[in-house]
Full PDB file with SEQRES, HELIX, SHEET, SSBOND, CRYST1, ORIGX, SCALE, CONECT and MASTER records, all heavy atoms in Angstrom:
SEQRES   1 A   31  MET HIS ASP ARG ILE GLU HIS LEU ILE GLU LYS GLN VAL          
SEQRES   2 A   31  SER ARG GLY GLY HIS SER SER ARG VAL ARG SER LYS SER          
SEQRES   3 A   31  GLU TYR VAL SER SER                                          
HELIX    1 AA1 HIS A    2  ARG A   15  1                                  14    
CRYST1    1.000    1.000    1.000  90.00  90.00  90.00 P 1           1          
ORIGX1      1.000000  0.000000  0.000000        0.00000                         
ORIGX2      0.000000  1.000000  0.000000        0.00000                         
ORIGX3      0.000000  0.000000  1.000000        0.00000                         
SCALE1      1.000000  0.000000  0.000000        0.00000                         
SCALE2      0.000000  1.000000  0.000000        0.00000                         
SCALE3      0.000000  0.000000  1.000000        0.00000                         
ATOM      1  N   MET A   1       0.815  -1.283   0.004  1.00  0.00           N  
ATOM      2  CA  MET A   1       0.021  -0.057   0.011  1.00  0.00           C  
ATOM      3  C   MET A   1       0.888   1.267  -0.046  1.00  0.00           C  
ATOM      4  O   MET A   1       0.546   2.338  -0.677  1.00  0.00           O  
ATOM      5  CB  MET A   1      -0.986  -0.006   1.205  1.00  0.00           C  
ATOM      6  CG  MET A   1      -2.084  -0.979   1.010  1.00  0.00           C  
ATOM      7  SD  MET A   1      -3.242  -0.900   2.375  1.00  0.00           S  
ATOM      8  CE  MET A   1      -4.064   0.486   2.133  1.00  0.00           C  
ATOM      9  N   HIS A   2       1.941   1.163   0.739  1.00  0.00           N  
ATOM     10  CA  HIS A   2       2.863   2.321   0.860  1.00  0.00           C  
ATOM     11  C   HIS A   2       3.433   2.695  -0.671  1.00  0.00           C  
ATOM     12  O   HIS A   2       3.568   3.783  -1.053  1.00  0.00           O  
ATOM     13  CB  HIS A   2       4.051   2.049   1.752  1.00  0.00           C  
ATOM     14  CG  HIS A   2       5.010   3.221   1.895  1.00  0.00           C  
ATOM     15  ND1 HIS A   2       4.720   4.333   2.411  1.00  0.00           N  
ATOM     16  CD2 HIS A   2       6.280   3.272   1.450  1.00  0.00           C  
ATOM     17  CE1 HIS A   2       5.828   5.170   2.421  1.00  0.00           C  
ATOM     18  NE2 HIS A   2       6.825   4.410   1.820  1.00  0.00           N  
ATOM     19  N   ASP A   3       3.867   1.598  -1.326  1.00  0.00           N  
ATOM     20  CA  ASP A   3       4.385   1.670  -2.662  1.00  0.00           C  
ATOM     21  C   ASP A   3       3.325   2.257  -3.661  1.00  0.00           C  
ATOM     22  O   ASP A   3       3.551   3.207  -4.422  1.00  0.00           O  
ATOM     23  CB  ASP A   3       4.794   0.346  -3.297  1.00  0.00           C  
ATOM     24  CG  ASP A   3       6.130  -0.129  -2.555  1.00  0.00           C  
ATOM     25  OD1 ASP A   3       6.770   0.661  -1.881  1.00  0.00           O  
ATOM     26  OD2 ASP A   3       6.442  -1.358  -2.633  1.00  0.00           O  
ATOM     27  N   ARG A   4       2.120   1.831  -3.480  1.00  0.00           N  
ATOM     28  CA  ARG A   4       1.040   2.362  -4.310  1.00  0.00           C  
ATOM     29  C   ARG A   4       0.689   3.787  -4.054  1.00  0.00           C  
ATOM     30  O   ARG A   4       0.563   4.566  -5.088  1.00  0.00           O  
ATOM     31  CB  ARG A   4      -0.300   1.548  -4.137  1.00  0.00           C  
ATOM     32  CG  ARG A   4      -0.338   0.153  -4.724  1.00  0.00           C  
ATOM     33  CD  ARG A   4      -1.636  -0.476  -4.473  1.00  0.00           C  
ATOM     34  NE  ARG A   4      -1.611  -1.871  -4.962  1.00  0.00           N  
ATOM     35  CZ  ARG A   4      -2.556  -2.728  -4.700  1.00  0.00           C  
ATOM     36  NH1 ARG A   4      -3.543  -2.438  -4.027  1.00  0.00           N  
ATOM     37  NH2 ARG A   4      -2.473  -3.979  -5.202  1.00  0.00           N  
ATOM     38  N   ILE A   5       0.652   4.177  -2.743  1.00  0.00           N  
ATOM     39  CA  ILE A   5       0.501   5.543  -2.488  1.00  0.00           C  
ATOM     40  C   ILE A   5       1.605   6.402  -2.947  1.00  0.00           C  
ATOM     41  O   ILE A   5       1.368   7.432  -3.563  1.00  0.00           O  
ATOM     42  CB  ILE A   5       0.340   5.682  -0.904  1.00  0.00           C  
ATOM     43  CG1 ILE A   5      -0.972   5.109  -0.535  1.00  0.00           C  
ATOM     44  CG2 ILE A   5       0.371   7.180  -0.520  1.00  0.00           C  
ATOM     45  CD1 ILE A   5      -1.129   5.069   1.046  1.00  0.00           C  
ATOM     46  N   GLU A   6       2.920   6.001  -2.863  1.00  0.00           N  
ATOM     47  CA  GLU A   6       4.072   6.691  -3.338  1.00  0.00           C  
ATOM     48  C   GLU A   6       3.887   6.687  -4.910  1.00  0.00           C  
ATOM     49  O   GLU A   6       4.122   7.934  -5.515  1.00  0.00           O  
ATOM     50  CB  GLU A   6       5.282   5.910  -3.018  1.00  0.00           C  
ATOM     51  CG  GLU A   6       6.250   6.709  -2.095  1.00  0.00           C  
ATOM     52  CD  GLU A   6       7.434   5.869  -1.926  1.00  0.00           C  
ATOM     53  OE1 GLU A   6       8.153   5.205  -2.848  1.00  0.00           O  
ATOM     54  OE2 GLU A   6       7.922   5.824  -0.713  1.00  0.00           O  
ATOM     55  N   HIS A   7       3.504   5.722  -5.687  1.00  0.00           N  
ATOM     56  CA  HIS A   7       3.356   5.821  -7.027  1.00  0.00           C  
ATOM     57  C   HIS A   7       2.311   6.828  -7.456  1.00  0.00           C  
ATOM     58  O   HIS A   7       2.518   7.558  -8.404  1.00  0.00           O  
ATOM     59  CB  HIS A   7       3.026   4.418  -7.554  1.00  0.00           C  
ATOM     60  CG  HIS A   7       2.839   4.307  -8.910  1.00  0.00           C  
ATOM     61  ND1 HIS A   7       3.807   4.371  -9.797  1.00  0.00           N  
ATOM     62  CD2 HIS A   7       1.655   4.038  -9.788  1.00  0.00           C  
ATOM     63  CE1 HIS A   7       3.368   4.201 -11.123  1.00  0.00           C  
ATOM     64  NE2 HIS A   7       2.054   4.199 -11.076  1.00  0.00           N  
ATOM     65  N   LEU A   8       1.164   6.803  -6.688  1.00  0.00           N  
ATOM     66  CA  LEU A   8       0.057   7.718  -6.913  1.00  0.00           C  
ATOM     67  C   LEU A   8       0.407   9.160  -6.865  1.00  0.00           C  
ATOM     68  O   LEU A   8       0.201  10.118  -7.564  1.00  0.00           O  
ATOM     69  CB  LEU A   8      -1.174   7.312  -6.058  1.00  0.00           C  
ATOM     70  CG  LEU A   8      -1.989   6.149  -6.542  1.00  0.00           C  
ATOM     71  CD1 LEU A   8      -3.133   5.826  -5.515  1.00  0.00           C  
ATOM     72  CD2 LEU A   8      -2.534   6.283  -7.890  1.00  0.00           C  
ATOM     73  N   ILE A   9       1.243   9.467  -5.805  1.00  0.00           N  
ATOM     74  CA  ILE A   9       1.769  10.717  -5.332  1.00  0.00           C  
ATOM     75  C   ILE A   9       2.527  11.254  -6.484  1.00  0.00           C  
ATOM     76  O   ILE A   9       2.562  12.369  -6.923  1.00  0.00           O  
ATOM     77  CB  ILE A   9       2.392  10.829  -3.952  1.00  0.00           C  
ATOM     78  CG1 ILE A   9       1.438  10.677  -2.920  1.00  0.00           C  
ATOM     79  CG2 ILE A   9       3.113  12.083  -3.827  1.00  0.00           C  
ATOM     80  CD1 ILE A   9       1.931  10.443  -1.493  1.00  0.00           C  
ATOM     81  N   GLU A  10       3.521  10.361  -6.982  1.00  0.00           N  
ATOM     82  CA  GLU A  10       4.409  10.769  -7.951  1.00  0.00           C  
ATOM     83  C   GLU A  10       3.658  11.104  -9.250  1.00  0.00           C  
ATOM     84  O   GLU A  10       4.036  11.916 -10.017  1.00  0.00           O  
ATOM     85  CB  GLU A  10       5.464   9.649  -8.188  1.00  0.00           C  
ATOM     86  CG  GLU A  10       6.492   9.398  -7.220  1.00  0.00           C  
ATOM     87  CD  GLU A  10       7.456   8.322  -7.321  1.00  0.00           C  
ATOM     88  OE1 GLU A  10       7.420   7.644  -8.439  1.00  0.00           O  
ATOM     89  OE2 GLU A  10       8.244   8.039  -6.428  1.00  0.00           O  
ATOM     90  N   LYS A  11       2.616  10.209  -9.646  1.00  0.00           N  
ATOM     91  CA  LYS A  11       1.817  10.530 -10.723  1.00  0.00           C  
ATOM     92  C   LYS A  11       1.174  11.991 -10.676  1.00  0.00           C  
ATOM     93  O   LYS A  11       1.192  12.681 -11.584  1.00  0.00           O  
ATOM     94  CB  LYS A  11       0.769   9.420 -10.931  1.00  0.00           C  
ATOM     95  CG  LYS A  11       1.216   8.339 -11.619  1.00  0.00           C  
ATOM     96  CD  LYS A  11      -0.029   7.413 -11.921  1.00  0.00           C  
ATOM     97  CE  LYS A  11       0.335   6.156 -12.586  1.00  0.00           C  
ATOM     98  NZ  LYS A  11      -0.806   5.287 -12.797  1.00  0.00           N  
ATOM     99  N   GLN A  12       0.593  12.240  -9.455  1.00  0.00           N  
ATOM    100  CA  GLN A  12      -0.062  13.486  -9.384  1.00  0.00           C  
ATOM    101  C   GLN A  12       0.967  14.656  -9.279  1.00  0.00           C  
ATOM    102  O   GLN A  12       0.709  15.673 -10.010  1.00  0.00           O  
ATOM    103  CB  GLN A  12      -0.789  13.505  -7.897  1.00  0.00           C  
ATOM    104  CG  GLN A  12      -2.010  12.747  -7.962  1.00  0.00           C  
ATOM    105  CD  GLN A  12      -2.730  12.747  -6.465  1.00  0.00           C  
ATOM    106  OE1 GLN A  12      -2.069  13.480  -5.557  1.00  0.00           O  
ATOM    107  NE2 GLN A  12      -3.756  12.119  -6.389  1.00  0.00           N  
ATOM    108  N   VAL A  13       2.146  14.388  -8.879  1.00  0.00           N  
ATOM    109  CA  VAL A  13       3.026  15.525  -8.890  1.00  0.00           C  
ATOM    110  C   VAL A  13       3.645  15.717 -10.308  1.00  0.00           C  
ATOM    111  O   VAL A  13       3.813  16.835 -10.818  1.00  0.00           O  
ATOM    112  CB  VAL A  13       4.198  15.139  -7.967  1.00  0.00           C  
ATOM    113  CG1 VAL A  13       5.466  16.049  -8.231  1.00  0.00           C  
ATOM    114  CG2 VAL A  13       3.879  15.192  -6.504  1.00  0.00           C  
ATOM    115  N   SER A  14       3.796  14.616 -11.062  1.00  0.00           N  
ATOM    116  CA  SER A  14       4.246  14.787 -12.429  1.00  0.00           C  
ATOM    117  C   SER A  14       3.188  15.475 -13.386  1.00  0.00           C  
ATOM    118  O   SER A  14       3.451  16.127 -14.221  1.00  0.00           O  
ATOM    119  CB  SER A  14       4.739  13.434 -13.108  1.00  0.00           C  
ATOM    120  OG  SER A  14       3.696  12.529 -13.117  1.00  0.00           O  
ATOM    121  N   ARG A  15       1.852  15.070 -13.148  1.00  0.00           N  
ATOM    122  CA  ARG A  15       0.716  15.722 -13.825  1.00  0.00           C  
ATOM    123  C   ARG A  15       0.556  17.212 -13.524  1.00  0.00           C  
ATOM    124  O   ARG A  15       0.364  17.938 -14.380  1.00  0.00           O  
ATOM    125  CB  ARG A  15      -0.634  14.898 -13.520  1.00  0.00           C  
ATOM    126  CG  ARG A  15      -0.644  13.716 -14.344  1.00  0.00           C  
ATOM    127  CD  ARG A  15      -2.097  13.131 -14.176  1.00  0.00           C  
ATOM    128  NE  ARG A  15      -2.049  11.693 -14.285  1.00  0.00           N  
ATOM    129  CZ  ARG A  15      -2.861  10.926 -13.779  1.00  0.00           C  
ATOM    130  NH1 ARG A  15      -3.927  11.329 -12.947  1.00  0.00           N  
ATOM    131  NH2 ARG A  15      -2.846   9.654 -13.981  1.00  0.00           N  
ATOM    132  N   GLY A  16       0.512  17.334 -12.250  1.00  0.00           N  
ATOM    133  CA  GLY A  16       0.109  18.825 -11.808  1.00  0.00           C  
ATOM    134  C   GLY A  16       1.215  19.770 -11.708  1.00  0.00           C  
ATOM    135  O   GLY A  16       1.218  20.808 -11.231  1.00  0.00           O  
ATOM    136  N   GLY A  17       2.414  19.404 -12.232  1.00  0.00           N  
ATOM    137  CA  GLY A  17       3.610  20.185 -12.098  1.00  0.00           C  
ATOM    138  C   GLY A  17       4.314  20.117 -10.831  1.00  0.00           C  
ATOM    139  O   GLY A  17       4.044  19.133 -10.127  1.00  0.00           O  
ATOM    140  N   HIS A  18       4.991  20.910 -10.498  1.00  0.00           N  
ATOM    141  CA  HIS A  18       5.813  20.847  -9.176  1.00  0.00           C  
ATOM    142  C   HIS A  18       4.944  21.492  -8.126  1.00  0.00           C  
ATOM    143  O   HIS A  18       4.448  22.525  -8.200  1.00  0.00           O  
ATOM    144  CB  HIS A  18       7.154  21.752  -9.426  1.00  0.00           C  
ATOM    145  CG  HIS A  18       8.043  21.053 -10.384  1.00  0.00           C  
ATOM    146  ND1 HIS A  18       8.641  19.746 -10.116  1.00  0.00           N  
ATOM    147  CD2 HIS A  18       8.678  21.439 -11.533  1.00  0.00           C  
ATOM    148  CE1 HIS A  18       9.424  19.549 -11.182  1.00  0.00           C  
ATOM    149  NE2 HIS A  18       9.439  20.471 -11.921  1.00  0.00           N  
ATOM    150  N   SER A  19       4.681  20.649  -7.219  1.00  0.00           N  
ATOM    151  CA  SER A  19       3.940  21.087  -6.090  1.00  0.00           C  
ATOM    152  C   SER A  19       4.843  21.698  -4.973  1.00  0.00           C  
ATOM    153  O   SER A  19       5.929  21.440  -4.888  1.00  0.00           O  
ATOM    154  CB  SER A  19       3.208  19.830  -5.446  1.00  0.00           C  
ATOM    155  OG  SER A  19       2.656  20.146  -4.231  1.00  0.00           O  
ATOM    156  N   SER A  20       4.323  22.811  -4.469  1.00  0.00           N  
ATOM    157  CA  SER A  20       4.932  23.453  -3.458  1.00  0.00           C  
ATOM    158  C   SER A  20       4.923  22.752  -2.149  1.00  0.00           C  
ATOM    159  O   SER A  20       5.455  23.217  -1.119  1.00  0.00           O  
ATOM    160  CB  SER A  20       4.443  24.928  -3.248  1.00  0.00           C  
ATOM    161  OG  SER A  20       3.082  24.888  -2.949  1.00  0.00           O  
ATOM    162  N   ARG A  21       4.049  21.780  -2.020  1.00  0.00           N  
ATOM    163  CA  ARG A  21       3.848  21.099  -0.718  1.00  0.00           C  
ATOM    164  C   ARG A  21       5.197  20.370  -0.419  1.00  0.00           C  
ATOM    165  O   ARG A  21       5.769  19.688  -1.352  1.00  0.00           O  
ATOM    166  CB  ARG A  21       2.685  20.130  -0.995  1.00  0.00           C  
ATOM    167  CG  ARG A  21       2.351  19.296   0.309  1.00  0.00           C  
ATOM    168  CD  ARG A  21       1.097  18.423   0.046  1.00  0.00           C  
ATOM    169  NE  ARG A  21       1.472  17.371  -0.762  1.00  0.00           N  
ATOM    170  CZ  ARG A  21       1.789  16.096  -0.314  1.00  0.00           C  
ATOM    171  NH1 ARG A  21       1.883  15.967   0.972  1.00  0.00           N  
ATOM    172  NH2 ARG A  21       2.080  15.141  -1.073  1.00  0.00           N  
ATOM    173  N   VAL A  22       5.525  20.371   0.891  1.00  0.00           N  
ATOM    174  CA  VAL A  22       6.747  19.681   1.281  1.00  0.00           C  
ATOM    175  C   VAL A  22       6.329  18.254   1.698  1.00  0.00           C  
ATOM    176  O   VAL A  22       5.223  17.998   2.443  1.00  0.00           O  
ATOM    177  CB  VAL A  22       7.354  20.467   2.547  1.00  0.00           C  
ATOM    178  CG1 VAL A  22       8.594  19.644   3.129  1.00  0.00           C  
ATOM    179  CG2 VAL A  22       7.736  21.767   2.190  1.00  0.00           C  
ATOM    180  N   ARG A  23       7.066  17.321   1.310  1.00  0.00           N  
ATOM    181  CA  ARG A  23       6.876  15.900   1.623  1.00  0.00           C  
ATOM    182  C   ARG A  23       7.198  15.766   3.048  1.00  0.00           C  
ATOM    183  O   ARG A  23       8.096  16.182   3.507  1.00  0.00           O  
ATOM    184  CB  ARG A  23       7.615  15.018   0.647  1.00  0.00           C  
ATOM    185  CG  ARG A  23       7.118  14.901  -0.648  1.00  0.00           C  
ATOM    186  CD  ARG A  23       7.824  13.926  -1.496  1.00  0.00           C  
ATOM    187  NE  ARG A  23       7.244  13.850  -2.702  1.00  0.00           N  
ATOM    188  CZ  ARG A  23       7.716  12.938  -3.627  1.00  0.00           C  
ATOM    189  NH1 ARG A  23       8.645  12.067  -3.258  1.00  0.00           N  
ATOM    190  NH2 ARG A  23       7.158  12.903  -4.767  1.00  0.00           N  
ATOM    191  N   SER A  24       6.402  14.728   3.679  1.00  0.00           N  
ATOM    192  CA  SER A  24       6.539  14.463   5.047  1.00  0.00           C  
ATOM    193  C   SER A  24       7.678  13.358   5.149  1.00  0.00           C  
ATOM    194  O   SER A  24       8.016  12.617   4.055  1.00  0.00           O  
ATOM    195  CB  SER A  24       5.382  13.956   5.817  1.00  0.00           C  
ATOM    196  OG  SER A  24       4.938  12.801   5.238  1.00  0.00           O  
ATOM    197  N   LYS A  25       8.206  13.133   6.305  1.00  0.00           N  
ATOM    198  CA  LYS A  25       9.342  12.156   6.478  1.00  0.00           C  
ATOM    199  C   LYS A  25       8.858  10.632   6.113  1.00  0.00           C  
ATOM    200  O   LYS A  25       9.575   9.947   5.596  1.00  0.00           O  
ATOM    201  CB  LYS A  25       9.887  12.084   7.978  1.00  0.00           C  
ATOM    202  CG  LYS A  25      10.876  12.899   8.119  1.00  0.00           C  
ATOM    203  CD  LYS A  25      11.559  12.511   9.494  1.00  0.00           C  
ATOM    204  CE  LYS A  25      12.833  13.221   9.802  1.00  0.00           C  
ATOM    205  NZ  LYS A  25      13.389  13.008  11.052  1.00  0.00           N  
ATOM    206  N   SER A  26       7.470  10.582   6.313  1.00  0.00           N  
ATOM    207  CA  SER A  26       6.984   9.071   6.134  1.00  0.00           C  
ATOM    208  C   SER A  26       6.909   8.859   4.615  1.00  0.00           C  
ATOM    209  O   SER A  26       6.995   7.677   4.228  1.00  0.00           O  
ATOM    210  CB  SER A  26       5.583   8.944   6.658  1.00  0.00           C  
ATOM    211  OG  SER A  26       4.699   9.956   6.163  1.00  0.00           O  
ATOM    212  N   GLU A  27       6.938   9.884   3.847  1.00  0.00           N  
ATOM    213  CA  GLU A  27       6.999   9.524   2.430  1.00  0.00           C  
ATOM    214  C   GLU A  27       8.264   9.153   1.842  1.00  0.00           C  
ATOM    215  O   GLU A  27       8.412   8.504   0.772  1.00  0.00           O  
ATOM    216  CB  GLU A  27       6.595  10.932   1.591  1.00  0.00           C  
ATOM    217  CG  GLU A  27       5.049  11.002   1.831  1.00  0.00           C  
ATOM    218  CD  GLU A  27       4.594  12.425   1.195  1.00  0.00           C  
ATOM    219  OE1 GLU A  27       5.466  13.173   0.764  1.00  0.00           O  
ATOM    220  OE2 GLU A  27       3.533  12.687   1.015  1.00  0.00           O  
ATOM    221  N   TYR A  28       9.265   9.583   2.604  1.00  0.00           N  
ATOM    222  CA  TYR A  28      10.639   9.250   2.173  1.00  0.00           C  
ATOM    223  C   TYR A  28      11.252   7.936   2.830  1.00  0.00           C  
ATOM    224  O   TYR A  28      12.390   7.441   2.579  1.00  0.00           O  
ATOM    225  CB  TYR A  28      11.743  10.306   2.639  1.00  0.00           C  
ATOM    226  CG  TYR A  28      11.461  11.635   1.762  1.00  0.00           C  
ATOM    227  CD1 TYR A  28      10.798  12.564   2.189  1.00  0.00           C  
ATOM    228  CD2 TYR A  28      11.971  11.627   0.334  1.00  0.00           C  
ATOM    229  CE1 TYR A  28      10.553  13.749   1.432  1.00  0.00           C  
ATOM    230  CE2 TYR A  28      11.715  12.769  -0.280  1.00  0.00           C  
ATOM    231  CZ  TYR A  28      11.046  13.729   0.207  1.00  0.00           C  
ATOM    232  OH  TYR A  28      10.900  14.928  -0.684  1.00  0.00           O  
ATOM    233  N   VAL A  29      10.402   7.266   3.692  1.00  0.00           N  
ATOM    234  CA  VAL A  29      10.836   6.094   4.284  1.00  0.00           C  
ATOM    235  C   VAL A  29      11.124   4.985   3.210  1.00  0.00           C  
ATOM    236  O   VAL A  29      10.171   4.663   2.463  1.00  0.00           O  
ATOM    237  CB  VAL A  29       9.799   5.755   5.322  1.00  0.00           C  
ATOM    238  CG1 VAL A  29      10.303   4.189   5.980  1.00  0.00           C  
ATOM    239  CG2 VAL A  29       9.765   6.703   6.485  1.00  0.00           C  
ATOM    240  N   SER A  30      12.232   4.468   3.245  1.00  0.00           N  
ATOM    241  CA  SER A  30      12.351   3.317   2.266  1.00  0.00           C  
ATOM    242  C   SER A  30      11.785   2.029   2.819  1.00  0.00           C  
ATOM    243  O   SER A  30      11.815   1.769   4.009  1.00  0.00           O  
ATOM    244  CB  SER A  30      13.844   3.169   2.014  1.00  0.00           C  
ATOM    245  OG  SER A  30      14.429   2.661   3.113  1.00  0.00           O  
ATOM    246  N   SER A  31      11.287   1.351   1.922  1.00  0.00           N  
ATOM    247  CA  SER A  31      10.664   0.159   2.484  1.00  0.00           C  
ATOM    248  C   SER A  31      11.710  -1.089   2.570  1.00  0.00           C  
ATOM    249  O   SER A  31      12.574  -1.196   1.626  1.00  0.00           O  
ATOM    250  CB  SER A  31       9.737  -0.326   1.307  1.00  0.00           C  
ATOM    251  OG  SER A  31      10.184  -0.639   0.087  1.00  0.00           O  
TER     252      SER A  31                                                      
MASTER        0    0    0    1    0    0    0    6  251    1    0    3          
END                                                                             
């Protein structure tokens, strides 16, 4: 689920341009 969410977030970021939103630490946690 973490991998899917990361993938969706990356898709949204790549579609919507660069987001000014700062990613939280939990998003950078490697599996």
